[in-house]
């Protein structure tokens, strides 16, 4: 071995040692936060276009497994809008949206349930099982229809006619709103002393008359988080967090401040329903809700186990 090769090997060893010390330091700094979330429930809303990317989905699943191994009880609620749209397009069905909600007729409802409760739900549960295979952590796919988990009622919406300014009711079809969550099945799974289950829930619910409805995944996540008195709900989205009037990320806000952002027009577009979900969840008993960029690697871990967090936290006061 010549001098150059020896120097290169020594440099590589020094770099490996430095990385080892940095990792140990990170773990030591995370200890207080690991203790805070020990045996606590964290509901994760997972959705968006990233769900269709295998590498991102596998990384998400690995992080969920790590949460479970660190003593957290993760519960995943997923969407699947892009996947539903792709399937409807393939079938030659054109979608109509009103205030961000898909108008859902009988045929669209059948496709939505097939995609959400079938392909998307089982894929997420599968990747969690694959990531947790060595530690026997397993994802289990569920729907709001299972064991009476999610009872809903038909969503009603009104819109003003732009000419007459008279409000009239809009029929969204088979789109529902949660009225009751029975969390016994989820609570039993996460409390199991013999198995490490990670529930993965599709946003499909049933009305009192037995009719199946498609439900906004953010809303379902909030309702489930409230029923479980979750320590945190993480709304994974495609923005870094909630922005103020100057475009800066707001790291923390109260429910009252969140309402103010909506009323003042600072929060716009898709951020409004996310803030409304955060507000409703906190008022239902969730300690805090975090809106964060789910596209960033390990965003959930940074949020839960570091001092600075990774998004916008909404709490009661």
C-alpha atoms as a PDB file:
ATOM      1  CA  UNK A   1       0.000   0.000   0.000  1.00  0.00           C
ATOM      2  CA  UNK A   2       1.526   3.341  -1.016  1.00  0.00           C
ATOM      3  CA  UNK A   3       1.344   6.559   0.992  1.00  0.00           C
ATOM      4  CA  UNK A   4      -1.623   7.930  -0.973  1.00  0.00           C
ATOM      5  CA  UNK A   5      -3.757   4.810  -0.413  1.00  0.00           C
ATOM      6  CA  UNK A   6      -2.848   4.756   3.296  1.00  0.00           C
ATOM      7  CA  UNK A   7      -3.839   8.413   3.659  1.00  0.00           C
ATOM      8  CA  UNK A   8      -7.142   7.757   1.852  1.00  0.00           C
ATOM      9  CA  UNK A   9      -7.983   4.814   4.141  1.00  0.00           C
ATOM     10  CA  UNK A  10      -7.197   6.834   7.261  1.00  0.00           C
ATOM     11  CA  UNK A  11      -9.351   9.712   6.016  1.00  0.00           C
ATOM     12  CA  UNK A  12     -12.240   7.318   5.331  1.00  0.00           C
ATOM     13  CA  UNK A  13     -11.947   5.851   8.846  1.00  0.00           C
ATOM     14  CA  UNK A  14     -11.938   9.331  10.370  1.00  0.00           C
ATOM     15  CA  UNK A  15     -15.035  10.276   8.386  1.00  0.00           C
ATOM     16  CA  UNK A  16     -16.835   7.077   9.453  1.00  0.00           C
ATOM     17  CA  UNK A  17     -15.905   7.756  13.082  1.00  0.00           C
ATOM     18  CA  UNK A  18     -17.156  11.344  12.818  1.00  0.00           C
ATOM     19  CA  UNK A  19     -20.461  10.142  11.384  1.00  0.00           C
ATOM     20  CA  UNK A  20     -20.749   7.635  14.221  1.00  0.00           C
ATOM     21  CA  UNK A  21     -20.263  10.331  16.871  1.00  0.00           C
ATOM     22  CA  UNK A  22     -22.749  12.609  15.083  1.00  0.00           C
ATOM     23  CA  UNK A  23     -25.334   9.823  15.035  1.00  0.00           C
ATOM     24  CA  UNK A  24     -24.810   9.124  18.739  1.00  0.00           C
ATOM     25  CA  UNK A  25     -25.179  12.842  19.522  1.00  0.00           C
ATOM     26  CA  UNK A  26     -28.421  13.004  17.535  1.00  0.00           C
ATOM     27  CA  UNK A  27     -29.854  10.000  19.377  1.00  0.00           C
ATOM     28  CA  UNK A  28     -28.880  11.456  22.756  1.00  0.00           C
ATOM     29  CA  UNK A  29     -30.546  14.770  21.895  1.00  0.00           C
ATOM     30  CA  UNK A  30     -33.681  12.922  20.783  1.00  0.00           C
ATOM     31  CA  UNK A  31     -34.068  11.051  24.104  1.00  0.00           C
ATOM     32  CA  UNK A  32     -36.309  13.637  25.843  1.00  0.00           C
ATOM     33  CA  UNK A  33     -38.666  13.683  22.863  1.00  0.00           C
ATOM     34  CA  UNK A  34     -38.699   9.891  22.594  1.00  0.00           C
ATOM     35  CA  UNK A  35     -39.841   9.797  26.223  1.00  0.00           C
ATOM     36  CA  UNK A  36     -42.568  12.375  25.539  1.00  0.00           C
ATOM     37  CA  UNK A  37     -44.127  10.176  22.823  1.00  0.00           C
ATOM     38  CA  UNK A  38     -43.571   6.809  24.512  1.00  0.00           C
ATOM     39  CA  UNK A  39     -46.825   4.787  24.182  1.00  0.00           C
ATOM     40  CA  UNK A  40     -48.628   7.839  22.817  1.00  0.00           C
ATOM     41  CA  UNK A  41     -50.801   7.729  19.692  1.00  0.00           C
ATOM     42  CA  UNK A  42     -49.813   9.744  16.628  1.00  0.00           C
ATOM     43  CA  UNK A  43     -52.273   9.871  13.721  1.00  0.00           C
ATOM     44  CA  UNK A  44     -50.638  10.481  10.344  1.00  0.00           C
ATOM     45  CA  UNK A  45     -52.570  11.739   7.325  1.00  0.00           C
ATOM     46  CA  UNK A  46     -50.662  10.479   4.283  1.00  0.00           C
ATOM     47  CA  UNK A  47     -51.633  11.502   0.774  1.00  0.00           C
ATOM     48  CA  UNK A  48     -50.787  13.490  -2.304  1.00  0.00           C
ATOM     49  CA  UNK A  49     -48.942  12.653  -5.478  1.00  0.00           C
ATOM     50  CA  UNK A  50     -45.951  11.244  -3.540  1.00  0.00           C
ATOM     51  CA  UNK A  51     -48.058   8.170  -2.747  1.00  0.00           C
ATOM     52  CA  UNK A  52     -47.524   7.005  -6.312  1.00  0.00           C
ATOM     53  CA  UNK A  53     -43.729   7.099  -6.012  1.00  0.00           C
ATOM     54  CA  UNK A  54     -42.413   3.771  -4.780  1.00  0.00           C
ATOM     55  CA  UNK A  55     -39.181   5.131  -3.268  1.00  0.00           C
ATOM     56  CA  UNK A  56     -41.053   7.799  -1.289  1.00  0.00           C
ATOM     57  CA  UNK A  57     -43.695   5.300  -0.159  1.00  0.00           C
ATOM     58  CA  UNK A  58     -41.041   2.870   1.062  1.00  0.00           C
ATOM     59  CA  UNK A  59     -39.225   5.624   2.962  1.00  0.00           C
ATOM     60  CA  UNK A  60     -42.507   6.694   4.562  1.00  0.00           C
ATOM     61  CA  UNK A  61     -43.194   3.090   5.583  1.00  0.00           C
ATOM     62  CA  UNK A  62     -39.705   2.729   7.086  1.00  0.00           C
ATOM     63  CA  UNK A  63     -40.195   5.886   9.157  1.00  0.00           C
ATOM     64  CA  UNK A  64     -43.574   4.609  10.392  1.00  0.00           C
ATOM     65  CA  UNK A  65     -41.928   1.348  11.469  1.00  0.00           C
ATOM     66  CA  UNK A  66     -39.193   3.289  13.256  1.00  0.00           C
ATOM     67  CA  UNK A  67     -41.865   5.259  15.148  1.00  0.00           C
ATOM     68  CA  UNK A  68     -43.430   1.986  16.263  1.00  0.00           C
ATOM     69  CA  UNK A  69     -40.072   0.605  17.411  1.00  0.00           C
ATOM     70  CA  UNK A  70     -39.421   3.816  19.371  1.00  0.00           C
ATOM     71  CA  UNK A  71     -42.566   3.269  21.429  1.00  0.00           C
ATOM     72  CA  UNK A  72     -44.986   5.453  19.450  1.00  0.00           C
ATOM     73  CA  UNK A  73     -48.366   4.100  18.306  1.00  0.00           C
ATOM     74  CA  UNK A  74     -48.738   5.352  14.713  1.00  0.00           C
ATOM     75  CA  UNK A  75     -52.116   5.231  12.966  1.00  0.00           C
ATOM     76  CA  UNK A  76     -52.095   6.033   9.241  1.00  0.00           C
ATOM     77  CA  UNK A  77     -55.077   7.553   7.416  1.00  0.00           C
ATOM     78  CA  UNK A  78     -54.540   7.920   3.690  1.00  0.00           C
ATOM     79  CA  UNK A  79     -56.069   9.681   0.743  1.00  0.00           C
ATOM     80  CA  UNK A  80     -55.809   8.755  -2.911  1.00  0.00           C
ATOM     81  CA  UNK A  81     -57.270  11.533  -5.024  1.00  0.00           C
ATOM     82  CA  UNK A  82     -54.676  11.313  -7.834  1.00  0.00           C
ATOM     83  CA  UNK A  83     -55.074   7.543  -8.003  1.00  0.00           C
ATOM     84  CA  UNK A  84     -58.870   7.842  -8.197  1.00  0.00           C
ATOM     85  CA  UNK A  85     -58.559  10.462 -10.939  1.00  0.00           C
ATOM     86  CA  UNK A  86     -56.201   8.241 -12.914  1.00  0.00           C
ATOM     87  CA  UNK A  87     -58.569   5.293 -12.712  1.00  0.00           C
ATOM     88  CA  UNK A  88     -61.585   7.424 -13.676  1.00  0.00           C
ATOM     89  CA  UNK A  89     -59.674   8.848 -16.644  1.00  0.00           C
ATOM     90  CA  UNK A  90     -58.743   5.342 -17.723  1.00  0.00           C
ATOM     91  CA  UNK A  91     -62.436   4.439 -17.551  1.00  0.00           C
ATOM     92  CA  UNK A  92     -63.379   7.531 -19.549  1.00  0.00           C
ATOM     93  CA  UNK A  93     -65.189   9.214 -16.633  1.00  0.00           C
ATOM     94  CA  UNK A  94     -64.696  12.964 -16.194  1.00  0.00           C
ATOM     95  CA  UNK A  95     -64.535  14.287 -12.616  1.00  0.00           C
ATOM     96  CA  UNK A  96     -66.227  17.449 -11.390  1.00  0.00           C
ATOM     97  CA  UNK A  97     -65.062  19.271  -8.281  1.00  0.00           C
ATOM     98  CA  UNK A  98     -66.967  21.759  -6.114  1.00  0.00           C
ATOM     99  CA  UNK A  99     -65.025  23.605  -3.395  1.00  0.00           C
ATOM    100  CA  UNK A 100     -62.291  21.007  -3.622  1.00  0.00           C
ATOM    101  CA  UNK A 101     -64.655  18.037  -3.172  1.00  0.00           C
ATOM    102  CA  UNK A 102     -65.177  15.498  -5.934  1.00  0.00           C
ATOM    103  CA  UNK A 103     -68.783  15.138  -7.057  1.00  0.00           C
ATOM    104  CA  UNK A 104     -69.334  11.420  -6.560  1.00  0.00           C
ATOM    105  CA  UNK A 105     -72.067   9.580  -8.422  1.00  0.00           C
ATOM    106  CA  UNK A 106     -72.726   5.848  -8.088  1.00  0.00           C
ATOM    107  CA  UNK A 107     -70.109   4.793 -10.646  1.00  0.00           C
ATOM    108  CA  UNK A 108     -67.484   7.172  -9.233  1.00  0.00           C
ATOM    109  CA  UNK A 109     -68.182   5.866  -5.734  1.00  0.00           C
ATOM    110  CA  UNK A 110     -67.539   2.310  -6.872  1.00  0.00           C
ATOM    111  CA  UNK A 111     -64.191   3.336  -8.386  1.00  0.00           C
ATOM    112  CA  UNK A 112     -63.238   5.407  -5.322  1.00  0.00           C
ATOM    113  CA  UNK A 113     -63.887   2.512  -2.959  1.00  0.00           C
ATOM    114  CA  UNK A 114     -62.018   0.077  -5.193  1.00  0.00           C
ATOM    115  CA  UNK A 115     -58.971   2.373  -5.339  1.00  0.00           C
ATOM    116  CA  UNK A 116     -58.958   3.579  -1.723  1.00  0.00           C
ATOM    117  CA  UNK A 117     -59.922   0.414   0.153  1.00  0.00           C
ATOM    118  CA  UNK A 118     -58.175  -1.816  -2.369  1.00  0.00           C
ATOM    119  CA  UNK A 119     -55.025  -0.871  -4.231  1.00  0.00           C
ATOM    120  CA  UNK A 120     -53.872   2.168  -2.228  1.00  0.00           C
ATOM    121  CA  UNK A 121     -54.731   0.842   1.230  1.00  0.00           C
ATOM    122  CA  UNK A 122     -53.137  -2.541   0.722  1.00  0.00           C
ATOM    123  CA  UNK A 123     -50.005  -1.101  -0.873  1.00  0.00           C
ATOM    124  CA  UNK A 124     -49.314   1.169   2.114  1.00  0.00           C
ATOM    125  CA  UNK A 125     -49.970  -1.657   4.579  1.00  0.00           C
ATOM    126  CA  UNK A 126     -47.713  -3.920   2.502  1.00  0.00           C
ATOM    127  CA  UNK A 127     -44.768  -1.504   2.501  1.00  0.00           C
ATOM    128  CA  UNK A 128     -45.044  -1.097   6.280  1.00  0.00           C
ATOM    129  CA  UNK A 129     -44.994  -4.883   6.680  1.00  0.00           C
ATOM    130  CA  UNK A 130     -41.979  -5.155   4.363  1.00  0.00           C
ATOM    131  CA  UNK A 131     -40.099  -2.403   6.238  1.00  0.00           C
ATOM    132  CA  UNK A 132     -40.916  -3.976   9.605  1.00  0.00           C
ATOM    133  CA  UNK A 133     -40.340  -7.597   8.676  1.00  0.00           C
ATOM    134  CA  UNK A 134     -37.206  -8.121  10.796  1.00  0.00           C
ATOM    135  CA  UNK A 135     -38.895  -6.596  13.873  1.00  0.00           C
ATOM    136  CA  UNK A 136     -42.308  -8.206  13.174  1.00  0.00           C
ATOM    137  CA  UNK A 137     -44.051  -4.828  12.791  1.00  0.00           C
ATOM    138  CA  UNK A 138     -47.001  -5.274  10.445  1.00  0.00           C
ATOM    139  CA  UNK A 139     -49.318  -2.918   8.622  1.00  0.00           C
ATOM    140  CA  UNK A 140     -52.984  -3.875   8.578  1.00  0.00           C
ATOM    141  CA  UNK A 141     -55.310  -2.316   6.005  1.00  0.00           C
ATOM    142  CA  UNK A 142     -58.739  -1.164   7.166  1.00  0.00           C
ATOM    143  CA  UNK A 143     -61.652   0.840   5.836  1.00  0.00           C
ATOM    144  CA  UNK A 144     -64.062   3.038   7.718  1.00  0.00           C
ATOM    145  CA  UNK A 145     -66.616   0.350   6.863  1.00  0.00           C
ATOM    146  CA  UNK A 146     -64.833  -2.253   9.002  1.00  0.00           C
ATOM    147  CA  UNK A 147     -66.416  -2.981  12.391  1.00  0.00           C
ATOM    148  CA  UNK A 148     -68.526   0.173  12.220  1.00  0.00           C
ATOM    149  CA  UNK A 149     -65.390   2.289  12.471  1.00  0.00           C
ATOM    150  CA  UNK A 150     -66.715   5.369  10.668  1.00  0.00           C
ATOM    151  CA  UNK A 151     -70.357   6.480  10.564  1.00  0.00           C
ATOM    152  CA  UNK A 152     -71.121   9.361   8.224  1.00  0.00           C
ATOM    153  CA  UNK A 153     -73.910  11.477   6.851  1.00  0.00           C
ATOM    154  CA  UNK A 154     -74.308  12.979   3.407  1.00  0.00           C
ATOM    155  CA  UNK A 155     -72.361  16.208   2.958  1.00  0.00           C
ATOM    156  CA  UNK A 156     -74.399  19.302   2.176  1.00  0.00           C
ATOM    157  CA  UNK A 157     -72.937  22.367   0.512  1.00  0.00           C
ATOM    158  CA  UNK A 158     -74.385  25.665  -0.640  1.00  0.00           C
ATOM    159  CA  UNK A 159     -73.060  28.102  -3.254  1.00  0.00           C
ATOM    160  CA  UNK A 160     -74.032  31.629  -4.225  1.00  0.00           C
ATOM    161  CA  UNK A 161     -75.227  32.220  -7.752  1.00  0.00           C
ATOM    162  CA  UNK A 162     -72.768  34.818  -9.165  1.00  0.00           C
ATOM    163  CA  UNK A 163     -75.593  36.737 -10.847  1.00  0.00           C
ATOM    164  CA  UNK A 164     -78.429  36.666  -8.320  1.00  0.00           C
ATOM    165  CA  UNK A 165     -76.194  36.117  -5.240  1.00  0.00           C
ATOM    166  CA  UNK A 166     -78.842  33.686  -4.008  1.00  0.00           C
ATOM    167  CA  UNK A 167     -77.511  30.630  -2.190  1.00  0.00           C
ATOM    168  CA  UNK A 168     -78.598  27.254  -3.470  1.00  0.00           C
ATOM    169  CA  UNK A 169     -77.796  23.718  -2.342  1.00  0.00           C
ATOM    170  CA  UNK A 170     -75.226  21.718  -4.299  1.00  0.00           C
ATOM    171  CA  UNK A 171     -75.532  17.940  -4.523  1.00  0.00           C
ATOM    172  CA  UNK A 172     -72.102  16.322  -4.215  1.00  0.00           C
ATOM    173  CA  UNK A 173     -73.486  12.825  -4.511  1.00  0.00           C
ATOM    174  CA  UNK A 174     -71.980  10.141  -2.298  1.00  0.00           C
ATOM    175  CA  UNK A 175     -69.670  12.425  -0.314  1.00  0.00           C
ATOM    176  CA  UNK A 176     -69.954  12.139   3.456  1.00  0.00           C
ATOM    177  CA  UNK A 177     -68.985  13.818   6.711  1.00  0.00           C
ATOM    178  CA  UNK A 178     -68.048  11.833   9.854  1.00  0.00           C
ATOM    179  CA  UNK A 179     -70.683  11.817  12.578  1.00  0.00           C
ATOM    180  CA  UNK A 180     -69.282   9.062  14.790  1.00  0.00           C
ATOM    181  CA  UNK A 181     -66.034   7.152  15.172  1.00  0.00           C
ATOM    182  CA  UNK A 182     -65.941   3.836  17.016  1.00  0.00           C
ATOM    183  CA  UNK A 183     -62.243   3.481  17.865  1.00  0.00           C
ATOM    184  CA  UNK A 184     -62.414   0.080  19.592  1.00  0.00           C
ATOM    185  CA  UNK A 185     -60.872  -1.821  16.680  1.00  0.00           C
ATOM    186  CA  UNK A 186     -57.975   0.629  16.294  1.00  0.00           C
ATOM    187  CA  UNK A 187     -57.408   0.876  20.051  1.00  0.00           C
ATOM    188  CA  UNK A 188     -57.350  -2.909  20.332  1.00  0.00           C
ATOM    189  CA  UNK A 189     -54.771  -3.241  17.574  1.00  0.00           C
ATOM    190  CA  UNK A 190     -52.369  -0.621  18.896  1.00  0.00           C
ATOM    191  CA  UNK A 191     -52.714  -1.894  22.481  1.00  0.00           C
ATOM    192  CA  UNK A 192     -51.912  -5.490  21.567  1.00  0.00           C
ATOM    193  CA  UNK A 193     -49.233  -6.951  23.842  1.00  0.00           C
ATOM    194  CA  UNK A 194     -48.416  -9.811  21.481  1.00  0.00           C
ATOM    195  CA  UNK A 195     -48.296  -8.088  18.074  1.00  0.00           C
ATOM    196  CA  UNK A 196     -47.019  -4.776  16.702  1.00  0.00           C
ATOM    197  CA  UNK A 197     -49.798  -3.599  14.383  1.00  0.00           C
ATOM    198  CA  UNK A 198     -49.900  -0.347  12.434  1.00  0.00           C
ATOM    199  CA  UNK A 199     -53.498   0.390  11.336  1.00  0.00           C
ATOM    200  CA  UNK A 200     -53.798   1.878   7.830  1.00  0.00           C
ATOM    201  CA  UNK A 201     -57.257   3.340   7.227  1.00  0.00           C
ATOM    202  CA  UNK A 202     -59.033   4.200   3.972  1.00  0.00           C
ATOM    203  CA  UNK A 203     -61.439   7.191   4.132  1.00  0.00           C
ATOM    204  CA  UNK A 204     -64.644   5.320   3.328  1.00  0.00           C
ATOM    205  CA  UNK A 205     -67.643   5.488   5.661  1.00  0.00           C
ATOM    206  CA  UNK A 206     -71.184   4.189   5.970  1.00  0.00           C
ATOM    207  CA  UNK A 207     -74.380   6.120   6.717  1.00  0.00           C
ATOM    208  CA  UNK A 208     -77.115   4.923   9.050  1.00  0.00           C
ATOM    209  CA  UNK A 209     -79.057   3.555   6.069  1.00  0.00           C
ATOM    210  CA  UNK A 210     -76.086   1.425   4.965  1.00  0.00           C
ATOM    211  CA  UNK A 211     -75.032   3.612   2.031  1.00  0.00           C
ATOM    212  CA  UNK A 212     -71.299   3.880   1.401  1.00  0.00           C
ATOM    213  CA  UNK A 213     -69.728   7.351   1.122  1.00  0.00           C
ATOM    214  CA  UNK A 214     -66.380   8.795   0.099  1.00  0.00           C
ATOM    215  CA  UNK A 215     -64.965  11.102   2.804  1.00  0.00           C
ATOM    216  CA  UNK A 216     -62.200  13.701   2.740  1.00  0.00           C
ATOM    217  CA  UNK A 217     -59.105  12.011   4.182  1.00  0.00           C
ATOM    218  CA  UNK A 218     -58.029  15.049   6.230  1.00  0.00           C
ATOM    219  CA  UNK A 219     -61.447  15.094   7.885  1.00  0.00           C
ATOM    220  CA  UNK A 220     -61.311  11.368   8.622  1.00  0.00           C
ATOM    221  CA  UNK A 221     -57.824  11.700  10.110  1.00  0.00           C
ATOM    222  CA  UNK A 222     -59.028  14.495  12.376  1.00  0.00           C
ATOM    223  CA  UNK A 223     -62.088  12.557  13.513  1.00  0.00           C
ATOM    224  CA  UNK A 224     -60.047   9.433  14.267  1.00  0.00           C
ATOM    225  CA  UNK A 225     -57.336  11.424  16.058  1.00  0.00           C
ATOM    226  CA  UNK A 226     -59.984  13.049  18.243  1.00  0.00           C
ATOM    227  CA  UNK A 227     -61.619   9.722  19.083  1.00  0.00           C
ATOM    228  CA  UNK A 228     -58.226   8.321  20.148  1.00  0.00           C
ATOM    229  CA  UNK A 229     -57.207  11.482  22.077  1.00  0.00           C
ATOM    230  CA  UNK A 230     -54.008  11.417  20.033  1.00  0.00           C
ATOM    231  CA  UNK A 231     -50.905  13.193  21.262  1.00  0.00           C
ATOM    232  CA  UNK A 232     -50.276  14.516  17.747  1.00  0.00           C
ATOM    233  CA  UNK A 233     -51.834  14.482  14.336  1.00  0.00           C
ATOM    234  CA  UNK A 234     -49.446  14.978  11.435  1.00  0.00           C
ATOM    235  CA  UNK A 235     -50.954  16.345   8.220  1.00  0.00           C
ATOM    236  CA  UNK A 236     -48.404  15.479   5.542  1.00  0.00           C
ATOM    237  CA  UNK A 237     -48.834  17.821   2.602  1.00  0.00           C
ATOM    238  CA  UNK A 238     -46.760  19.324  -0.219  1.00  0.00           C
ATOM    239  CA  UNK A 239     -45.850  22.641   1.439  1.00  0.00           C
ATOM    240  CA  UNK A 240     -43.427  23.400   4.257  1.00  0.00           C
ATOM    241  CA  UNK A 241     -46.180  24.632   6.572  1.00  0.00           C
ATOM    242  CA  UNK A 242     -48.502  27.583   7.064  1.00  0.00           C
ATOM    243  CA  UNK A 243     -47.130  30.875   5.742  1.00  0.00           C
ATOM    244  CA  UNK A 244     -47.674  34.377   7.094  1.00  0.00           C
ATOM    245  CA  UNK A 245     -48.382  37.472   4.981  1.00  0.00           C
ATOM    246  CA  UNK A 246     -44.681  37.824   4.096  1.00  0.00           C
ATOM    247  CA  UNK A 247     -44.337  34.212   3.012  1.00  0.00           C
ATOM    248  CA  UNK A 248     -42.482  33.040   6.130  1.00  0.00           C
ATOM    249  CA  UNK A 249     -43.311  29.766   7.861  1.00  0.00           C
ATOM    250  CA  UNK A 250     -45.282  30.127  11.088  1.00  0.00           C
ATOM    251  CA  UNK A 251     -43.763  27.582  13.461  1.00  0.00           C
ATOM    252  CA  UNK A 252     -46.543  27.596  16.042  1.00  0.00           C
ATOM    253  CA  UNK A 253     -50.019  29.064  16.433  1.00  0.00           C
ATOM    254  CA  UNK A 254     -53.129  28.781  18.565  1.00  0.00           C
ATOM    255  CA  UNK A 255     -56.573  27.792  17.346  1.00  0.00           C
ATOM    256  CA  UNK A 256     -57.629  31.446  17.630  1.00  0.00           C
ATOM    257  CA  UNK A 257     -54.675  32.561  15.512  1.00  0.00           C
ATOM    258  CA  UNK A 258     -55.469  29.881  12.917  1.00  0.00           C
ATOM    259  CA  UNK A 259     -59.028  31.177  12.669  1.00  0.00           C
ATOM    260  CA  UNK A 260     -57.636  34.681  12.258  1.00  0.00           C
ATOM    261  CA  UNK A 261     -55.463  33.627   9.305  1.00  0.00           C
ATOM    262  CA  UNK A 262     -58.534  32.221   7.562  1.00  0.00           C
ATOM    263  CA  UNK A 263     -60.709  35.252   8.335  1.00  0.00           C
ATOM    264  CA  UNK A 264     -58.019  37.720   7.207  1.00  0.00           C
ATOM    265  CA  UNK A 265     -57.421  35.902   3.926  1.00  0.00           C
ATOM    266  CA  UNK A 266     -53.788  35.073   4.745  1.00  0.00           C
ATOM    267  CA  UNK A 267     -54.561  31.352   4.513  1.00  0.00           C
ATOM    268  CA  UNK A 268     -55.886  30.539   1.059  1.00  0.00           C
ATOM    269  CA  UNK A 269     -56.718  27.617  -1.208  1.00  0.00           C
ATOM    270  CA  UNK A 270     -56.008  24.137   0.092  1.00  0.00           C
ATOM    271  CA  UNK A 271     -54.520  25.461   3.328  1.00  0.00           C
ATOM    272  CA  UNK A 272     -57.965  26.574   4.566  1.00  0.00           C
ATOM    273  CA  UNK A 273     -59.453  23.055   4.917  1.00  0.00           C
ATOM    274  CA  UNK A 274     -56.211  21.839   6.512  1.00  0.00           C
ATOM    275  CA  UNK A 275     -56.384  24.583   9.137  1.00  0.00           C
ATOM    276  CA  UNK A 276     -60.074  23.868   9.660  1.00  0.00           C
ATOM    277  CA  UNK A 277     -59.225  20.191  10.192  1.00  0.00           C
ATOM    278  CA  UNK A 278     -56.465  21.155  12.639  1.00  0.00           C
ATOM    279  CA  UNK A 279     -58.847  23.403  14.578  1.00  0.00           C
ATOM    280  CA  UNK A 280     -61.567  20.742  14.752  1.00  0.00           C
ATOM    281  CA  UNK A 281     -59.061  18.074  15.816  1.00  0.00           C
ATOM    282  CA  UNK A 282     -57.622  20.144  18.655  1.00  0.00           C
ATOM    283  CA  UNK A 283     -61.117  21.009  19.850  1.00  0.00           C
ATOM    284  CA  UNK A 284     -61.979  17.279  19.730  1.00  0.00           C
ATOM    285  CA  UNK A 285     -59.141  16.409  22.119  1.00  0.00           C
ATOM    286  CA  UNK A 286     -55.942  16.114  20.068  1.00  0.00           C
ATOM    287  CA  UNK A 287     -53.090  17.834  21.929  1.00  0.00           C
ATOM    288  CA  UNK A 288     -51.697  19.445  18.769  1.00  0.00           C
ATOM    289  CA  UNK A 289     -51.758  19.141  14.987  1.00  0.00           C
ATOM    290  CA  UNK A 290     -48.736  19.693  12.742  1.00  0.00           C
ATOM    291  CA  UNK A 291     -48.954  20.649   9.070  1.00  0.00           C
ATOM    292  CA  UNK A 292     -45.681  19.691   7.377  1.00  0.00           C
ATOM    293  CA  UNK A 293     -44.084  18.796   4.052  1.00  0.00           C
ATOM    294  CA  UNK A 294     -44.344  15.047   3.647  1.00  0.00           C
ATOM    295  CA  UNK A 295     -42.039  15.095   0.621  1.00  0.00           C
ATOM    296  CA  UNK A 296     -38.990  15.843   2.775  1.00  0.00           C
ATOM    297  CA  UNK A 297     -37.108  12.716   3.880  1.00  0.00           C
ATOM    298  CA  UNK A 298     -37.745  11.827   7.535  1.00  0.00           C
ATOM    299  CA  UNK A 299     -40.002  14.868   8.085  1.00  0.00           C
ATOM    300  CA  UNK A 300     -42.038  13.007  10.728  1.00  0.00           C
ATOM    301  CA  UNK A 301     -38.922  12.085  12.700  1.00  0.00           C
ATOM    302  CA  UNK A 302     -37.597  15.647  12.588  1.00  0.00           C
ATOM    303  CA  UNK A 303     -40.955  16.970  13.770  1.00  0.00           C
ATOM    304  CA  UNK A 304     -41.389  14.587  16.685  1.00  0.00           C
ATOM    305  CA  UNK A 305     -37.832  14.070  17.899  1.00  0.00           C
ATOM    306  CA  UNK A 306     -36.024  17.400  17.455  1.00  0.00           C
ATOM    307  CA  UNK A 307     -36.363  20.737  19.188  1.00  0.00           C
ATOM    308  CA  UNK A 308     -37.071  22.839  16.073  1.00  0.00           C
ATOM    309  CA  UNK A 309     -39.642  20.540  14.430  1.00  0.00           C
ATOM    310  CA  UNK A 310     -40.492  20.480  10.731  1.00  0.00           C
ATOM    311  CA  UNK A 311     -43.734  22.358  10.097  1.00  0.00           C
ATOM    312  CA  UNK A 312     -46.506  24.459  11.664  1.00  0.00           C
ATOM    313  CA  UNK A 313     -47.917  23.304  14.993  1.00  0.00           C
ATOM    314  CA  UNK A 314     -51.513  24.221  15.904  1.00  0.00           C
ATOM    315  CA  UNK A 315     -52.525  23.929  19.556  1.00  0.00           C
ATOM    316  CA  UNK A 316     -55.376  25.069  21.787  1.00  0.00           C
ATOM    317  CA  UNK A 317     -53.630  28.007  23.514  1.00  0.00           C
END
